[in-house]
N, C-alpha and C. Protein backbone atom coordinates (compact mmCIF):
# COMPACT_ATOMS: atom_id res chain seq x y z
N MET A 1 115.15 117.15 85.77
CA MET A 1 114.04 116.58 86.53
C MET A 1 113.49 115.38 85.76
N SER A 2 113.45 114.25 86.42
CA SER A 2 112.97 113.05 85.74
C SER A 2 111.45 113.03 85.73
N VAL A 3 110.92 112.43 84.67
CA VAL A 3 109.48 112.31 84.54
C VAL A 3 109.11 110.85 84.75
N PRO A 4 108.19 110.53 85.67
CA PRO A 4 107.83 109.14 85.89
C PRO A 4 107.24 108.51 84.63
N LEU A 5 107.61 107.26 84.40
CA LEU A 5 107.11 106.55 83.24
C LEU A 5 105.67 106.13 83.46
N CYS A 6 104.89 106.19 82.41
CA CYS A 6 103.49 105.78 82.48
C CYS A 6 103.39 104.28 82.24
N ARG A 7 102.67 103.57 83.10
CA ARG A 7 102.42 102.16 82.90
C ARG A 7 101.18 102.02 82.03
N CYS A 8 101.38 101.70 80.77
CA CYS A 8 100.27 101.64 79.82
C CYS A 8 99.58 100.28 79.91
N VAL A 9 98.27 100.30 79.87
CA VAL A 9 97.47 99.08 79.89
C VAL A 9 96.73 98.97 78.57
N GLN A 10 96.90 97.84 77.91
CA GLN A 10 96.20 97.59 76.66
C GLN A 10 94.91 96.85 76.97
N VAL A 11 93.79 97.41 76.53
CA VAL A 11 92.48 96.83 76.80
C VAL A 11 91.94 96.23 75.51
N SER A 12 91.56 94.97 75.57
CA SER A 12 91.02 94.31 74.39
C SER A 12 89.58 94.76 74.16
N GLU A 13 89.11 94.52 72.95
CA GLU A 13 87.70 94.72 72.67
C GLU A 13 86.87 93.76 73.51
N THR A 14 85.66 94.16 73.84
CA THR A 14 84.75 93.25 74.54
C THR A 14 84.31 92.16 73.57
N VAL A 15 84.43 90.92 74.02
CA VAL A 15 84.10 89.75 73.21
C VAL A 15 82.80 89.14 73.73
N GLU A 16 81.93 88.74 72.84
CA GLU A 16 80.68 88.10 73.24
C GLU A 16 80.78 86.59 73.05
N ILE A 17 80.40 85.86 74.08
CA ILE A 17 80.22 84.41 73.97
C ILE A 17 78.73 84.18 73.79
N PRO A 18 78.28 83.69 72.63
CA PRO A 18 76.85 83.51 72.41
C PRO A 18 76.23 82.55 73.43
N GLU A 19 74.94 82.66 73.61
CA GLU A 19 74.25 81.79 74.56
C GLU A 19 74.52 80.32 74.27
N ARG A 20 74.71 79.56 75.35
CA ARG A 20 74.89 78.11 75.32
C ARG A 20 76.11 77.70 74.48
N SER A 21 77.18 78.49 74.57
CA SER A 21 78.41 78.16 73.84
C SER A 21 79.61 78.45 74.74
N GLY A 22 80.81 78.22 74.22
CA GLY A 22 82.02 78.44 75.01
C GLY A 22 83.20 78.78 74.13
N THR A 23 84.29 79.19 74.77
CA THR A 23 85.50 79.56 74.05
C THR A 23 86.71 79.27 74.93
N ALA A 24 87.89 79.38 74.35
CA ALA A 24 89.14 79.25 75.10
C ALA A 24 90.14 80.24 74.53
N PHE A 25 91.03 80.75 75.40
CA PHE A 25 92.01 81.75 74.99
C PHE A 25 93.13 81.77 76.01
N THR A 26 94.22 82.44 75.66
CA THR A 26 95.35 82.53 76.59
C THR A 26 95.28 83.84 77.37
N LEU A 27 95.81 83.78 78.57
CA LEU A 27 95.88 84.94 79.47
C LEU A 27 97.28 84.96 80.05
N ASN A 28 97.99 86.05 79.86
CA ASN A 28 99.37 86.14 80.34
C ASN A 28 99.43 86.56 81.81
N GLN A 29 100.50 86.16 82.46
CA GLN A 29 100.72 86.59 83.83
C GLN A 29 100.65 88.11 83.92
N GLY A 30 99.89 88.62 84.87
CA GLY A 30 99.72 90.05 85.03
C GLY A 30 98.52 90.62 84.30
N ASP A 31 97.95 89.86 83.37
CA ASP A 31 96.75 90.32 82.68
C ASP A 31 95.55 90.27 83.61
N THR A 32 94.54 91.07 83.28
CA THR A 32 93.27 91.05 84.00
C THR A 32 92.18 90.58 83.06
N LEU A 33 91.42 89.60 83.51
CA LEU A 33 90.26 89.10 82.77
C LEU A 33 89.00 89.60 83.46
N ILE A 34 88.15 90.27 82.71
CA ILE A 34 86.89 90.78 83.24
C ILE A 34 85.75 90.02 82.58
N VAL A 35 84.97 89.30 83.39
CA VAL A 35 83.83 88.53 82.91
C VAL A 35 82.57 89.30 83.25
N ILE A 36 81.75 89.56 82.24
CA ILE A 36 80.61 90.47 82.37
C ILE A 36 79.31 89.73 82.06
N ASP A 37 78.30 89.97 82.88
CA ASP A 37 76.96 89.47 82.62
C ASP A 37 76.16 90.62 82.00
N PRO A 38 76.05 90.69 80.69
CA PRO A 38 75.49 91.90 80.06
C PRO A 38 74.00 92.10 80.27
N ARG A 39 73.26 90.99 80.49
CA ARG A 39 71.81 91.13 80.62
C ARG A 39 71.29 90.73 81.99
N GLY A 40 72.12 90.11 82.80
CA GLY A 40 71.72 89.69 84.13
C GLY A 40 71.24 88.26 84.17
N GLU A 41 71.47 87.62 85.33
CA GLU A 41 71.01 86.25 85.61
C GLU A 41 71.57 85.23 84.61
N GLN A 42 72.86 85.35 84.29
CA GLN A 42 73.49 84.39 83.37
C GLN A 42 74.82 83.93 83.96
N VAL A 43 75.00 82.62 84.02
CA VAL A 43 76.21 82.00 84.58
C VAL A 43 77.27 81.84 83.50
N ALA A 44 78.53 81.94 83.92
CA ALA A 44 79.68 81.67 83.04
C ALA A 44 80.61 80.69 83.75
N ASP A 45 80.80 79.51 83.19
CA ASP A 45 81.75 78.54 83.75
C ASP A 45 83.16 78.91 83.32
N LEU A 46 84.09 78.98 84.28
CA LEU A 46 85.46 79.39 84.01
C LEU A 46 86.43 78.31 84.45
N LEU A 47 87.36 77.95 83.56
CA LEU A 47 88.46 77.03 83.85
C LEU A 47 89.78 77.73 83.58
N ALA A 48 90.82 77.27 84.28
CA ALA A 48 92.17 77.80 84.07
C ALA A 48 93.16 76.66 84.12
N PHE A 49 94.07 76.62 83.15
CA PHE A 49 95.16 75.64 83.07
C PHE A 49 96.47 76.40 82.95
N ASN A 50 97.52 75.88 83.56
CA ASN A 50 98.85 76.42 83.38
C ASN A 50 99.24 76.26 81.91
N ALA A 51 99.53 77.35 81.23
CA ALA A 51 99.82 77.29 79.80
C ALA A 51 101.09 76.50 79.50
N GLU A 52 101.99 76.40 80.48
CA GLU A 52 103.24 75.66 80.27
C GLU A 52 103.11 74.19 80.61
N ASP A 53 102.09 73.83 81.36
CA ASP A 53 101.90 72.44 81.79
C ASP A 53 100.43 72.28 82.17
N VAL A 54 99.63 71.76 81.23
CA VAL A 54 98.19 71.72 81.44
C VAL A 54 97.77 70.69 82.49
N ALA A 55 98.72 69.92 83.02
CA ALA A 55 98.40 69.05 84.15
C ALA A 55 98.15 69.85 85.42
N GLU A 56 98.59 71.11 85.42
CA GLU A 56 98.27 72.00 86.54
C GLU A 56 97.01 72.77 86.20
N VAL A 57 95.99 72.61 87.02
CA VAL A 57 94.65 73.09 86.67
C VAL A 57 93.97 73.65 87.91
N ILE A 58 93.03 74.53 87.68
CA ILE A 58 92.27 75.13 88.78
C ILE A 58 91.63 74.05 89.64
N SER A 59 91.63 74.27 90.95
CA SER A 59 91.15 73.26 91.90
C SER A 59 90.15 73.88 92.87
N SER A 60 88.92 73.39 92.83
CA SER A 60 87.93 73.86 93.80
C SER A 60 88.31 73.43 95.21
N GLY A 61 88.81 72.20 95.35
CA GLY A 61 89.16 71.70 96.68
C GLY A 61 90.25 72.51 97.34
N ARG A 62 91.35 72.78 96.62
CA ARG A 62 92.43 73.58 97.19
C ARG A 62 91.95 75.00 97.51
N THR A 63 91.19 75.57 96.60
CA THR A 63 90.74 76.96 96.77
C THR A 63 89.83 77.11 97.99
N LEU A 64 88.83 76.24 98.10
CA LEU A 64 87.90 76.36 99.21
C LEU A 64 88.58 76.04 100.54
N ASP A 65 89.52 75.12 100.50
CA ASP A 65 90.28 74.78 101.70
C ASP A 65 91.03 76.00 102.22
N TYR A 66 91.77 76.67 101.33
CA TYR A 66 92.58 77.81 101.76
C TYR A 66 91.73 79.04 102.08
N ALA A 67 90.62 79.21 101.38
CA ALA A 67 89.75 80.37 101.63
C ALA A 67 88.91 80.20 102.88
N GLU A 68 88.64 78.94 103.26
CA GLU A 68 87.80 78.62 104.42
C GLU A 68 86.38 79.17 104.26
N THR A 69 85.93 79.28 103.02
CA THR A 69 84.56 79.68 102.72
C THR A 69 84.21 79.19 101.33
N ILE A 70 82.92 78.96 101.11
CA ILE A 70 82.48 78.59 99.76
C ILE A 70 82.07 79.82 98.96
N TYR A 71 81.98 80.97 99.62
CA TYR A 71 81.56 82.18 98.93
C TYR A 71 82.79 83.04 98.64
N LEU A 72 83.30 82.87 97.44
CA LEU A 72 84.54 83.54 97.03
C LEU A 72 84.23 84.87 96.37
N THR A 73 85.02 85.89 96.72
CA THR A 73 84.79 87.23 96.17
C THR A 73 86.10 88.02 96.21
N THR A 74 86.02 89.33 96.11
CA THR A 74 87.20 90.18 96.04
C THR A 74 88.19 89.86 97.16
N GLY A 75 89.45 89.68 96.76
CA GLY A 75 90.50 89.36 97.72
C GLY A 75 90.85 87.90 97.80
N HIS A 76 89.99 87.02 97.31
CA HIS A 76 90.28 85.59 97.33
C HIS A 76 91.12 85.19 96.11
N GLN A 77 91.87 84.11 96.28
CA GLN A 77 92.68 83.53 95.22
C GLN A 77 92.06 82.22 94.76
N LEU A 78 92.17 81.93 93.47
CA LEU A 78 91.78 80.62 92.94
C LEU A 78 93.06 79.83 92.73
N TYR A 79 93.18 78.70 93.44
CA TYR A 79 94.41 77.92 93.46
C TYR A 79 94.37 76.75 92.48
N SER A 80 95.56 76.27 92.14
CA SER A 80 95.69 75.09 91.29
C SER A 80 95.75 73.83 92.15
N ASN A 81 95.72 72.68 91.48
CA ASN A 81 95.88 71.41 92.16
C ASN A 81 97.27 71.25 92.78
N ARG A 82 98.19 72.17 92.48
CA ARG A 82 99.52 72.16 93.08
C ARG A 82 99.66 73.27 94.14
N SER A 83 98.52 73.78 94.58
CA SER A 83 98.47 74.77 95.66
C SER A 83 99.14 76.09 95.29
N ARG A 84 99.15 76.44 94.02
CA ARG A 84 99.71 77.72 93.58
C ARG A 84 98.57 78.62 93.13
N PRO A 85 98.62 79.92 93.49
CA PRO A 85 97.59 80.84 93.00
C PRO A 85 97.62 80.95 91.47
N MET A 86 96.47 80.81 90.86
CA MET A 86 96.35 80.97 89.41
C MET A 86 95.70 82.30 89.06
N LEU A 87 94.62 82.62 89.75
CA LEU A 87 93.85 83.83 89.50
C LEU A 87 93.48 84.46 90.83
N GLY A 88 93.59 85.78 90.91
CA GLY A 88 93.12 86.51 92.07
C GLY A 88 91.90 87.32 91.71
N ILE A 89 90.88 87.28 92.55
CA ILE A 89 89.68 88.09 92.30
C ILE A 89 89.97 89.50 92.81
N ILE A 90 90.01 90.45 91.89
CA ILE A 90 90.38 91.82 92.27
C ILE A 90 89.19 92.76 92.28
N GLU A 91 88.07 92.37 91.69
CA GLU A 91 86.86 93.19 91.72
C GLU A 91 85.66 92.29 91.48
N ASP A 92 84.58 92.55 92.20
CA ASP A 92 83.41 91.68 92.11
C ASP A 92 82.19 92.50 92.48
N THR A 93 81.28 92.72 91.54
CA THR A 93 80.09 93.51 91.82
C THR A 93 78.89 92.65 92.22
N VAL A 94 79.08 91.33 92.33
CA VAL A 94 77.97 90.42 92.63
C VAL A 94 78.14 89.78 94.01
N GLY A 95 79.29 89.12 94.22
CA GLY A 95 79.56 88.52 95.52
C GLY A 95 78.95 87.16 95.74
N ARG A 96 78.35 86.57 94.73
CA ARG A 96 77.81 85.22 94.87
C ARG A 96 78.13 84.42 93.60
N HIS A 97 78.98 83.43 93.79
CA HIS A 97 79.41 82.55 92.71
C HIS A 97 79.48 81.13 93.27
N ASP A 98 79.65 80.14 92.42
CA ASP A 98 79.69 78.75 92.87
C ASP A 98 81.00 78.09 92.45
N PHE A 99 81.55 77.27 93.37
CA PHE A 99 82.74 76.48 93.04
C PHE A 99 82.57 75.05 93.53
N LEU A 100 81.30 74.59 93.54
CA LEU A 100 80.99 73.24 94.02
C LEU A 100 80.50 72.32 92.91
N LEU A 101 79.73 72.84 91.98
CA LEU A 101 79.03 72.00 91.02
C LEU A 101 79.78 71.90 89.70
N THR A 102 79.74 70.71 89.14
CA THR A 102 80.46 70.40 87.91
C THR A 102 79.78 71.03 86.70
N PRO A 103 80.52 71.28 85.60
CA PRO A 103 79.87 71.81 84.40
C PRO A 103 78.74 70.91 83.91
N CYS A 104 77.64 71.51 83.49
CA CYS A 104 76.52 70.74 82.96
C CYS A 104 76.95 70.01 81.69
N SER A 105 76.27 68.89 81.41
CA SER A 105 76.67 68.02 80.30
C SER A 105 75.45 67.24 79.80
N TYR A 106 75.67 66.41 78.78
CA TYR A 106 74.60 65.51 78.34
C TYR A 106 74.06 64.71 79.51
N ASP A 107 74.96 64.20 80.34
CA ASP A 107 74.54 63.35 81.46
C ASP A 107 73.72 64.11 82.47
N THR A 108 74.14 65.35 82.80
CA THR A 108 73.36 66.11 83.77
C THR A 108 72.01 66.53 83.19
N PHE A 109 71.94 66.76 81.89
CA PHE A 109 70.65 67.07 81.27
C PHE A 109 69.71 65.87 81.38
N HIS A 110 70.22 64.66 81.13
CA HIS A 110 69.39 63.47 81.26
C HIS A 110 68.93 63.29 82.71
N HIS A 111 69.77 63.65 83.67
CA HIS A 111 69.45 63.47 85.08
C HIS A 111 68.44 64.50 85.58
N PHE A 112 68.70 65.79 85.31
CA PHE A 112 67.89 66.86 85.87
C PHE A 112 66.76 67.33 84.97
N TYR A 113 66.92 67.16 83.65
CA TYR A 113 65.93 67.68 82.70
C TYR A 113 65.51 66.59 81.71
N PRO A 114 64.96 65.48 82.20
CA PRO A 114 64.66 64.35 81.30
C PRO A 114 63.62 64.66 80.23
N LYS A 115 62.82 65.70 80.43
CA LYS A 115 61.79 66.04 79.45
C LYS A 115 62.27 67.06 78.42
N LEU A 116 63.47 67.58 78.59
CA LEU A 116 64.01 68.57 77.66
C LEU A 116 64.97 67.91 76.68
N GLN A 117 65.12 68.55 75.52
CA GLN A 117 66.11 68.09 74.55
C GLN A 117 67.49 68.19 75.20
N PRO A 118 68.25 67.08 75.26
CA PRO A 118 69.57 67.15 75.91
C PRO A 118 70.52 68.07 75.15
N HIS A 119 71.44 68.62 75.88
CA HIS A 119 72.42 69.56 75.33
C HIS A 119 73.79 69.15 75.82
N ARG A 120 74.83 69.40 75.03
CA ARG A 120 76.18 69.01 75.48
C ARG A 120 76.66 69.85 76.64
N GLY A 121 76.00 70.98 76.87
CA GLY A 121 76.24 71.78 78.05
C GLY A 121 77.61 72.41 78.09
N CYS A 122 77.93 72.96 79.26
CA CYS A 122 79.22 73.63 79.43
C CYS A 122 80.37 72.65 79.30
N PHE A 123 80.17 71.42 79.76
CA PHE A 123 81.25 70.44 79.65
C PHE A 123 81.61 70.21 78.18
N GLY A 124 80.60 69.96 77.35
CA GLY A 124 80.87 69.74 75.93
C GLY A 124 81.44 70.96 75.24
N ASN A 125 80.93 72.13 75.61
CA ASN A 125 81.46 73.37 75.02
C ASN A 125 82.91 73.61 75.43
N LEU A 126 83.23 73.34 76.70
CA LEU A 126 84.60 73.51 77.16
C LEU A 126 85.52 72.48 76.50
N ALA A 127 85.07 71.24 76.40
CA ALA A 127 85.88 70.20 75.77
C ALA A 127 86.23 70.57 74.33
N ALA A 128 85.25 71.06 73.59
CA ALA A 128 85.50 71.43 72.20
C ALA A 128 86.43 72.64 72.10
N ALA A 129 86.25 73.62 72.98
CA ALA A 129 87.08 74.83 72.92
C ALA A 129 88.52 74.56 73.35
N LEU A 130 88.71 73.63 74.30
CA LEU A 130 90.04 73.37 74.84
C LEU A 130 90.82 72.32 74.06
N GLU A 131 90.13 71.57 73.21
CA GLU A 131 90.81 70.52 72.43
C GLU A 131 92.00 71.04 71.62
N PRO A 132 91.90 72.20 70.94
CA PRO A 132 93.06 72.70 70.20
C PRO A 132 94.27 73.02 71.07
N HIS A 133 94.05 73.15 72.38
CA HIS A 133 95.15 73.42 73.31
C HIS A 133 95.72 72.14 73.90
N GLY A 134 95.26 71.00 73.39
CA GLY A 134 95.78 69.72 73.86
C GLY A 134 95.18 69.25 75.17
N ILE A 135 94.02 69.79 75.54
CA ILE A 135 93.36 69.42 76.79
C ILE A 135 92.22 68.47 76.48
N LEU A 136 92.24 67.31 77.13
CA LEU A 136 91.26 66.26 76.88
C LEU A 136 90.07 66.39 77.82
N PRO A 137 88.91 65.83 77.46
CA PRO A 137 87.73 65.93 78.33
C PRO A 137 87.97 65.45 79.75
N ASP A 138 88.74 64.37 79.92
CA ASP A 138 88.98 63.84 81.26
C ASP A 138 89.84 64.78 82.11
N GLN A 139 90.41 65.80 81.51
CA GLN A 139 91.21 66.76 82.27
C GLN A 139 90.40 67.96 82.76
N ILE A 140 89.10 67.97 82.43
CA ILE A 140 88.26 69.10 82.81
C ILE A 140 87.76 68.90 84.24
N PRO A 141 88.10 69.82 85.14
CA PRO A 141 87.68 69.70 86.55
C PRO A 141 86.38 70.47 86.80
N THR A 142 86.03 70.60 88.07
CA THR A 142 84.95 71.50 88.47
C THR A 142 85.34 72.93 88.11
N ALA A 143 84.42 73.64 87.48
CA ALA A 143 84.68 75.02 87.06
C ALA A 143 84.31 76.01 88.16
N PHE A 144 84.92 77.19 88.08
CA PHE A 144 84.45 78.32 88.90
C PHE A 144 83.28 78.92 88.13
N ASN A 145 82.09 78.82 88.72
CA ASN A 145 80.86 79.21 88.04
C ASN A 145 80.52 80.66 88.39
N CYS A 146 81.00 81.57 87.57
CA CYS A 146 80.76 82.99 87.80
C CYS A 146 79.25 83.27 87.80
N PHE A 147 78.79 83.98 88.83
CA PHE A 147 77.42 84.46 88.98
C PHE A 147 76.43 83.36 89.38
N MET A 148 76.86 82.11 89.52
CA MET A 148 75.93 81.03 89.86
C MET A 148 75.56 81.12 91.34
N ASN A 149 74.29 80.94 91.63
CA ASN A 149 73.74 81.13 92.97
C ASN A 149 73.33 79.79 93.56
N VAL A 150 74.15 79.25 94.46
CA VAL A 150 73.91 77.93 95.04
C VAL A 150 73.93 78.05 96.57
N PRO A 151 72.80 78.44 97.17
CA PRO A 151 72.76 78.50 98.64
C PRO A 151 72.72 77.09 99.24
N ILE A 152 73.23 76.97 100.47
CA ILE A 152 73.31 75.69 101.16
C ILE A 152 72.64 75.81 102.52
N ASP A 153 71.80 74.83 102.85
CA ASP A 153 71.17 74.79 104.16
C ASP A 153 72.23 74.39 105.19
N GLY A 154 72.46 75.25 106.18
CA GLY A 154 73.50 75.00 107.16
C GLY A 154 73.22 73.82 108.06
N GLU A 155 71.97 73.42 108.19
CA GLU A 155 71.62 72.29 109.04
C GLU A 155 71.70 70.96 108.30
N THR A 156 71.13 70.91 107.11
CA THR A 156 71.03 69.64 106.38
C THR A 156 72.13 69.45 105.33
N GLY A 157 72.76 70.56 104.93
CA GLY A 157 73.73 70.48 103.85
C GLY A 157 73.09 70.45 102.47
N LYS A 158 71.77 70.49 102.41
CA LYS A 158 71.06 70.47 101.13
C LYS A 158 71.37 71.74 100.36
N LEU A 159 71.64 71.60 99.07
CA LEU A 159 71.89 72.77 98.25
C LEU A 159 70.79 72.95 97.21
N LYS A 160 70.63 74.19 96.79
CA LYS A 160 69.67 74.55 95.76
C LYS A 160 70.39 75.32 94.66
N VAL A 161 69.87 75.24 93.46
CA VAL A 161 70.35 76.08 92.36
C VAL A 161 69.26 77.10 92.07
N LEU A 162 69.54 78.35 92.43
CA LEU A 162 68.59 79.43 92.23
C LEU A 162 69.08 80.37 91.13
N PRO A 163 68.22 81.23 90.61
CA PRO A 163 68.67 82.18 89.59
C PRO A 163 69.79 83.06 90.13
N PRO A 164 70.75 83.43 89.30
CA PRO A 164 71.79 84.35 89.75
C PRO A 164 71.21 85.66 90.26
N ILE A 165 71.96 86.29 91.18
CA ILE A 165 71.54 87.60 91.66
C ILE A 165 72.19 88.72 90.84
N SER A 166 72.98 88.35 89.84
CA SER A 166 73.66 89.35 89.01
C SER A 166 72.64 90.12 88.18
N LYS A 167 72.91 91.42 88.04
CA LYS A 167 72.10 92.30 87.21
C LYS A 167 72.86 92.65 85.94
N ALA A 168 72.16 93.24 84.99
CA ALA A 168 72.78 93.60 83.72
C ALA A 168 73.99 94.49 83.95
N GLY A 169 75.13 94.09 83.39
CA GLY A 169 76.36 94.86 83.51
C GLY A 169 77.24 94.47 84.67
N ASP A 170 76.77 93.61 85.58
CA ASP A 170 77.62 93.15 86.68
C ASP A 170 78.82 92.38 86.14
N HIS A 171 79.91 92.37 86.93
CA HIS A 171 81.13 91.73 86.44
C HIS A 171 81.98 91.22 87.59
N ILE A 172 82.93 90.36 87.24
CA ILE A 172 83.96 89.90 88.16
C ILE A 172 85.28 89.95 87.41
N ALA A 173 86.33 90.44 88.07
CA ALA A 173 87.64 90.63 87.43
C ALA A 173 88.69 89.78 88.14
N PHE A 174 89.54 89.15 87.34
CA PHE A 174 90.58 88.25 87.83
C PHE A 174 91.95 88.73 87.34
N ARG A 175 92.96 88.67 88.21
CA ARG A 175 94.34 88.96 87.83
C ARG A 175 95.09 87.63 87.71
N ALA A 176 95.75 87.41 86.57
CA ALA A 176 96.46 86.15 86.33
C ALA A 176 97.80 86.14 87.04
N HIS A 177 98.08 85.07 87.78
CA HIS A 177 99.34 84.92 88.50
C HIS A 177 100.36 84.07 87.73
N MET A 178 99.94 83.52 86.61
CA MET A 178 100.84 82.76 85.73
C MET A 178 100.24 82.79 84.35
N ASP A 179 101.00 82.37 83.34
CA ASP A 179 100.45 82.26 81.99
C ASP A 179 99.42 81.13 81.98
N LEU A 180 98.24 81.44 81.44
CA LEU A 180 97.12 80.52 81.56
C LEU A 180 96.44 80.26 80.23
N ILE A 181 95.79 79.11 80.15
CA ILE A 181 94.78 78.83 79.13
C ILE A 181 93.44 78.88 79.86
N ILE A 182 92.55 79.72 79.39
CA ILE A 182 91.25 79.93 80.01
C ILE A 182 90.17 79.30 79.15
N GLY A 183 89.25 78.58 79.79
CA GLY A 183 88.02 78.15 79.16
C GLY A 183 86.87 78.92 79.79
N LEU A 184 85.93 79.39 78.97
CA LEU A 184 84.84 80.23 79.48
C LEU A 184 83.57 79.97 78.67
N THR A 185 82.44 79.87 79.36
CA THR A 185 81.18 79.58 78.67
C THR A 185 80.09 80.58 79.03
N ALA A 186 79.04 80.55 78.24
CA ALA A 186 77.73 81.07 78.62
C ALA A 186 76.88 79.84 78.92
N CYS A 187 76.57 79.62 80.18
CA CYS A 187 76.04 78.35 80.67
C CYS A 187 74.73 77.95 79.97
N SER A 188 74.54 76.62 79.89
CA SER A 188 73.44 76.04 79.11
C SER A 188 72.34 75.43 79.96
N ALA A 189 72.47 75.42 81.29
CA ALA A 189 71.50 74.74 82.15
C ALA A 189 70.36 75.68 82.53
N PRO A 190 69.11 75.24 82.34
CA PRO A 190 67.98 76.15 82.62
C PRO A 190 67.93 76.67 84.05
N ASP A 191 68.04 75.79 85.04
CA ASP A 191 67.89 76.23 86.42
C ASP A 191 68.97 77.22 86.83
N SER A 192 70.18 77.05 86.32
CA SER A 192 71.29 77.91 86.70
C SER A 192 71.09 79.35 86.25
N ASN A 193 70.26 79.55 85.22
CA ASN A 193 70.12 80.86 84.59
C ASN A 193 68.69 81.40 84.64
N GLY A 194 67.92 80.95 85.61
CA GLY A 194 66.57 81.46 85.76
C GLY A 194 65.65 81.08 84.62
N GLY A 195 65.98 80.00 83.90
CA GLY A 195 65.12 79.50 82.83
C GLY A 195 65.33 80.12 81.48
N THR A 196 66.28 81.05 81.34
CA THR A 196 66.56 81.66 80.05
C THR A 196 68.05 81.55 79.76
N PHE A 197 68.43 81.77 78.51
CA PHE A 197 69.82 81.66 78.09
C PHE A 197 70.25 82.95 77.41
N LYS A 198 71.37 83.48 77.87
CA LYS A 198 71.84 84.78 77.39
C LYS A 198 73.34 84.71 77.16
N PRO A 199 73.92 85.66 76.45
CA PRO A 199 75.36 85.66 76.22
C PRO A 199 76.14 86.10 77.45
N ILE A 200 77.43 85.87 77.39
CA ILE A 200 78.39 86.38 78.36
C ILE A 200 79.41 87.23 77.60
N HIS A 201 79.85 88.32 78.20
CA HIS A 201 80.90 89.15 77.61
C HIS A 201 82.17 89.03 78.44
N TYR A 202 83.31 89.23 77.78
CA TYR A 202 84.55 89.34 78.52
C TYR A 202 85.50 90.26 77.78
N ARG A 203 86.45 90.80 78.53
CA ARG A 203 87.54 91.57 77.92
C ARG A 203 88.80 91.35 78.75
N ILE A 204 89.93 91.64 78.14
CA ILE A 204 91.24 91.43 78.76
C ILE A 204 91.99 92.75 78.82
N GLU A 205 92.51 93.06 79.98
CA GLU A 205 93.44 94.19 80.14
C GLU A 205 94.82 93.62 80.26
N ARG A 206 95.66 93.87 79.26
CA ARG A 206 97.02 93.33 79.26
C ARG A 206 97.89 94.11 80.23
N GLY A 207 98.55 93.38 81.13
CA GLY A 207 99.33 93.99 82.18
C GLY A 207 100.64 94.57 81.66
């Protein structure tokens, strides 16, 4: 009598991204990335590049086009600029994220927060984290902003940035469809995070 083989999953330790900082790491095809908001109301900007060819990168335009909605959640795919699925959302306890607004930067701080000390923001944090992988600042696209709450007026098209609706411990999980380089931040913009800055956690389940 044959015994079915067990499919073992290796789970990484939970990693903390300190407030207003970012990191980059590799994710293999079949791995699951779980992004966690440990304290609630904190955004995490996420980027994905094809590890074999970083000219292939996550695309908000392709993704929203194919999904036919701006509110992406469980069951949706995040596509590349070459129309290939990069990440699939397999679990989502929040259901409200943003894929319209660019990572915050020195320039956006000068524009939106002229009275505050400028910060390099998610753009600067992503640029620094991705540089060792050979990715230049001009290659950074619009990020998938986990937990970011950007409602849009259906009549005027006007958008607002409101505090996230995520609560402590909420998470979103992605399955990798190819070998990837991931950039991930704990967002630095005051309005995006309800006026406070908190860490982001993540862990990887190796497929």
